[in-house]
C-alpha atoms as a PDB file:
ATOM      1  CA  MET A   1     -14.256   8.993   3.003  1.00  0.00           C
ATOM      2  CA  THR A   2     -13.202   9.261  -0.675  1.00  0.00           C
ATOM      3  CA  LEU A   3     -11.187   6.566  -2.491  1.00  0.00           C
ATOM      4  CA  GLU A   4      -8.334   9.064  -2.364  1.00  0.00           C
ATOM      5  CA  ASP A   5      -8.565   9.364   1.372  1.00  0.00           C
ATOM      6  CA  ILE A   6      -8.573   5.546   1.784  1.00  0.00           C
ATOM      7  CA  ILE A   7      -5.558   5.067  -0.452  1.00  0.00           C
ATOM      8  CA  ASP A   8      -3.659   7.847   1.323  1.00  0.00           C
ATOM      9  CA  ILE A   9      -4.392   6.271   4.636  1.00  0.00           C
ATOM     10  CA  TYR A  10      -3.261   2.915   3.211  1.00  0.00           C
ATOM     11  CA  CYS A  11       0.016   4.546   2.042  1.00  0.00           C
ATOM     12  CA  ALA A  12       0.503   6.156   5.452  1.00  0.00           C
ATOM     13  CA  ALA A  13       0.304   2.749   7.061  1.00  0.00           C
ATOM     14  CA  TRP A  14       3.343   1.772   4.952  1.00  0.00           C
ATOM     15  CA  SER A  15       5.312   4.531   6.668  1.00  0.00           C
ATOM     16  CA  GLU A  16       4.033   4.039  10.186  1.00  0.00           C
ATOM     17  CA  ARG A  17       6.683   2.615  12.612  1.00  0.00           C
ATOM     18  CA  ASP A  18       4.156   1.863  15.454  1.00  0.00           C
ATOM     19  CA  PRO A  19       2.577  -1.548  14.611  1.00  0.00           C
ATOM     20  CA  SER A  20      -0.572  -0.671  16.696  1.00  0.00           C
ATOM     21  CA  TYR A  21      -1.140   2.634  14.877  1.00  0.00           C
ATOM     22  CA  ARG A  22      -0.252   0.808  11.535  1.00  0.00           C
ATOM     23  CA  GLN A  23      -2.965  -1.708  12.325  1.00  0.00           C
ATOM     24  CA  ASP A  24      -5.403   1.172  12.987  1.00  0.00           C
ATOM     25  CA  LEU A  25      -4.634   2.813   9.656  1.00  0.00           C
ATOM     26  CA  LEU A  26      -4.998  -0.459   7.852  1.00  0.00           C
ATOM     27  CA  GLY A  27      -8.338  -1.092   9.686  1.00  0.00           C
ATOM     28  CA  ARG A  28      -9.548   2.211   8.266  1.00  0.00           C
ATOM     29  CA  SER A  29      -8.381   1.474   4.665  1.00  0.00           C
ATOM     30  CA  VAL A  30      -8.544  -2.206   4.057  1.00  0.00           C
ATOM     31  CA  THR A  31     -10.933  -5.084   4.635  1.00  0.00           C
ATOM     32  CA  ASP A  32     -10.226  -7.562   7.458  1.00  0.00           C
ATOM     33  CA  THR A  33      -9.512 -10.175   4.955  1.00  0.00           C
ATOM     34  CA  VAL A  34      -7.417  -8.009   2.560  1.00  0.00           C
ATOM     35  CA  ARG A  35      -5.121  -9.956   0.349  1.00  0.00           C
ATOM     36  CA  TYR A  36      -1.781  -8.151  -0.424  1.00  0.00           C
ATOM     37  CA  THR A  37       0.603  -9.644  -2.985  1.00  0.00           C
ATOM     38  CA  ASP A  38       3.785  -8.376  -4.656  1.00  0.00           C
ATOM     39  CA  PRO A  39       6.757 -10.047  -6.286  1.00  0.00           C
ATOM     40  CA  GLU A  40       8.117 -11.020  -2.846  1.00  0.00           C
ATOM     41  CA  THR A  41       5.111 -11.882  -0.713  1.00  0.00           C
ATOM     42  CA  ASP A  42       1.497 -12.888  -0.635  1.00  0.00           C
ATOM     43  CA  VAL A  43      -0.341 -12.352   2.663  1.00  0.00           C
ATOM     44  CA  THR A  44      -3.962 -12.271   3.753  1.00  0.00           C
ATOM     45  CA  GLY A  45      -5.463 -10.338   6.624  1.00  0.00           C
ATOM     46  CA  ILE A  46      -4.632  -7.141   8.473  1.00  0.00           C
ATOM     47  CA  ALA A  47      -2.349  -8.832  11.009  1.00  0.00           C
ATOM     48  CA  ALA A  48      -0.290 -10.539   8.397  1.00  0.00           C
ATOM     49  CA  LEU A  49       0.027  -7.263   6.515  1.00  0.00           C
ATOM     50  CA  VAL A  50       1.106  -5.447   9.589  1.00  0.00           C
ATOM     51  CA  ASP A  51       3.812  -7.920  10.142  1.00  0.00           C
ATOM     52  CA  HIS A  52       4.960  -7.819   6.528  1.00  0.00           C
ATOM     53  CA  ILE A  53       5.152  -4.002   6.577  1.00  0.00           C
ATOM     54  CA  SER A  54       7.121  -4.267   9.881  1.00  0.00           C
ATOM     55  CA  GLY A  55       9.695  -6.456   7.914  1.00  0.00           C
ATOM     56  CA  VAL A  56       9.885  -3.966   5.056  1.00  0.00           C
ATOM     57  CA  LEU A  57      10.365  -1.035   7.406  1.00  0.00           C
ATOM     58  CA  ALA A  58      13.029  -2.896   9.421  1.00  0.00           C
ATOM     59  CA  ARG A  59      15.156  -3.154   6.203  1.00  0.00           C
ATOM     60  CA  SER A  60      14.553   0.611   5.376  1.00  0.00           C
ATOM     61  CA  ALA A  61      14.807   2.480   8.673  1.00  0.00           C
ATOM     62  CA  GLY A  62      13.229   5.981   8.373  1.00  0.00           C
ATOM     63  CA  ALA A  63      11.700   5.243   4.919  1.00  0.00           C
ATOM     64  CA  LYS A  64       8.220   6.430   3.898  1.00  0.00           C
ATOM     65  CA  ILE A  65       5.883   5.557   1.109  1.00  0.00           C
ATOM     66  CA  VAL A  66       4.500   8.519  -0.936  1.00  0.00           C
ATOM     67  CA  ARG A  67       1.751   8.325  -3.539  1.00  0.00           C
ATOM     68  CA  THR A  68       3.158   9.875  -6.670  1.00  0.00           C
ATOM     69  CA  SER A  69       0.222   9.818  -9.144  1.00  0.00           C
ATOM     70  CA  GLY A  70      -3.458  10.419  -9.350  1.00  0.00           C
ATOM     71  CA  ILE A  71      -5.841   7.430  -8.948  1.00  0.00           C
ATOM     72  CA  ASP A  72      -7.344   5.858 -12.070  1.00  0.00           C
ATOM     73  CA  THR A  73     -10.517   3.789 -11.484  1.00  0.00           C
ATOM     74  CA  HIS A  74     -12.908   1.554 -13.345  1.00  0.00           C
ATOM     75  CA  HIS A  75     -15.190  -1.348 -12.607  1.00  0.00           C
ATOM     76  CA  GLY A  76     -14.352  -1.567  -8.901  1.00  0.00           C
ATOM     77  CA  ALA A  77     -10.567  -1.428  -9.396  1.00  0.00           C
ATOM     78  CA  ALA A  78      -7.993   1.333  -9.154  1.00  0.00           C
ATOM     79  CA  ARG A  79      -4.292   1.947  -9.765  1.00  0.00           C
ATOM     80  CA  PHE A  80      -1.844   4.414  -8.373  1.00  0.00           C
ATOM     81  CA  ALA A  81       1.890   4.895  -8.406  1.00  0.00           C
ATOM     82  CA  TRP A  82       4.092   5.320  -5.334  1.00  0.00           C
ATOM     83  CA  GLN A  83       7.704   5.634  -4.295  1.00  0.00           C
ATOM     84  CA  MET A  84       9.786   4.748  -1.242  1.00  0.00           C
ATOM     85  CA  VAL A  85      11.785   7.700  -0.003  1.00  0.00           C
ATOM     86  CA  LYS A  86      14.592   6.617   2.344  1.00  0.00           C
ATOM     87  CA  ALA A  87      15.557   8.627   5.515  1.00  0.00           C
ATOM     88  CA  ASP A  88      18.463  10.220   3.610  1.00  0.00           C
ATOM     89  CA  GLY A  89      16.235  11.398   0.780  1.00  0.00           C
ATOM     90  CA  THR A  90      17.204   8.688  -1.626  1.00  0.00           C
ATOM     91  CA  VAL A  91      14.090   7.793  -3.782  1.00  0.00           C
ATOM     92  CA  LEU A  92      13.709   4.299  -4.964  1.00  0.00           C
ATOM     93  CA  PRO A  93      12.169   3.455  -8.373  1.00  0.00           C
ATOM     94  CA  GLU A  94       8.395   4.028  -8.602  1.00  0.00           C
ATOM     95  CA  GLY A  95       6.040   1.223  -7.923  1.00  0.00           C
ATOM     96  CA  LEU A  96       2.463   0.584  -8.998  1.00  0.00           C
ATOM     97  CA  ASP A  97      -0.451  -0.838  -7.073  1.00  0.00           C
ATOM     98  CA  ILE A  98      -3.592  -2.213  -8.472  1.00  0.00           C
ATOM     99  CA  VAL A  99      -6.359  -2.471  -5.949  1.00  0.00           C
ATOM    100  CA  TRP A 100      -9.879  -3.957  -5.965  1.00  0.00           C
ATOM    101  CA  ILE A 101     -12.446  -2.099  -3.797  1.00  0.00           C
ATOM    102  CA  ASP A 102     -15.077  -3.608  -1.564  1.00  0.00           C
ATOM    103  CA  GLU A 103     -18.407  -2.410  -2.809  1.00  0.00           C
ATOM    104  CA  GLU A 104     -20.015  -2.219   0.671  1.00  0.00           C
ATOM    105  CA  THR A 105     -17.325  -0.485   2.604  1.00  0.00           C
ATOM    106  CA  GLY A 106     -15.239   1.237  -0.051  1.00  0.00           C
ATOM    107  CA  LYS A 107     -12.086  -0.264   1.510  1.00  0.00           C
ATOM    108  CA  LEU A 108      -9.357  -2.037  -0.415  1.00  0.00           C
ATOM    109  CA  LYS A 109      -9.994  -5.743  -0.515  1.00  0.00           C
ATOM    110  CA  THR A 110      -7.042  -6.834  -2.758  1.00  0.00           C
ATOM    111  CA  VAL A 111      -3.723  -5.069  -3.417  1.00  0.00           C
ATOM    112  CA  LEU A 112      -1.488  -6.231  -6.162  1.00  0.00           C
ATOM    113  CA  GLY A 113       1.910  -4.409  -6.102  1.00  0.00           C
ATOM    114  CA  PHE A 114       4.553  -4.145  -8.753  1.00  0.00           C
ATOM    115  CA  PHE A 115       8.036  -2.645  -8.304  1.00  0.00           C
ATOM    116  CA  GLY A 116       9.918  -0.383 -10.721  1.00  0.00           C
ATOM    117  CA  ALA A 117       9.010   1.061 -14.028  1.00  0.00           C
ATOM    118  CA  LEU A 118       7.144  -0.887 -16.710  1.00  0.00           C
ATOM    119  CA  ARG A 119       9.445  -2.694 -19.033  1.00  0.00           C
ATOM    120  CA  ARG A 120       9.463  -1.402 -22.618  1.00  0.00           C
ATOM    121  CA  GLU A 121       9.792  -3.824 -25.486  1.00  0.00           C
END
């Protein structure tokens, strides 16, 4: 699988309502000990990430996460932009994930998420 495939599977997990299938998608795209952190949470492991995503989806019924950029990579890290699209078509401000890639498996081992556009000085 390519890194693009892995990231797209990871994004699909953020849109998946069925926790069992979400866990399967995460198992294909992140390491067992993945660390996910954003301004509101910091969790480790697939089970904790499945639960965190369940909470996010419960607050945004019918929403999906869509990758909105290409993927930039260097030195075992990558970044990509994404947006949450609500069931009614409302699009929330773009987010940015920075990920570190496990050299042996190619899966994501750390995900650092940011919400909204970059601030301009």
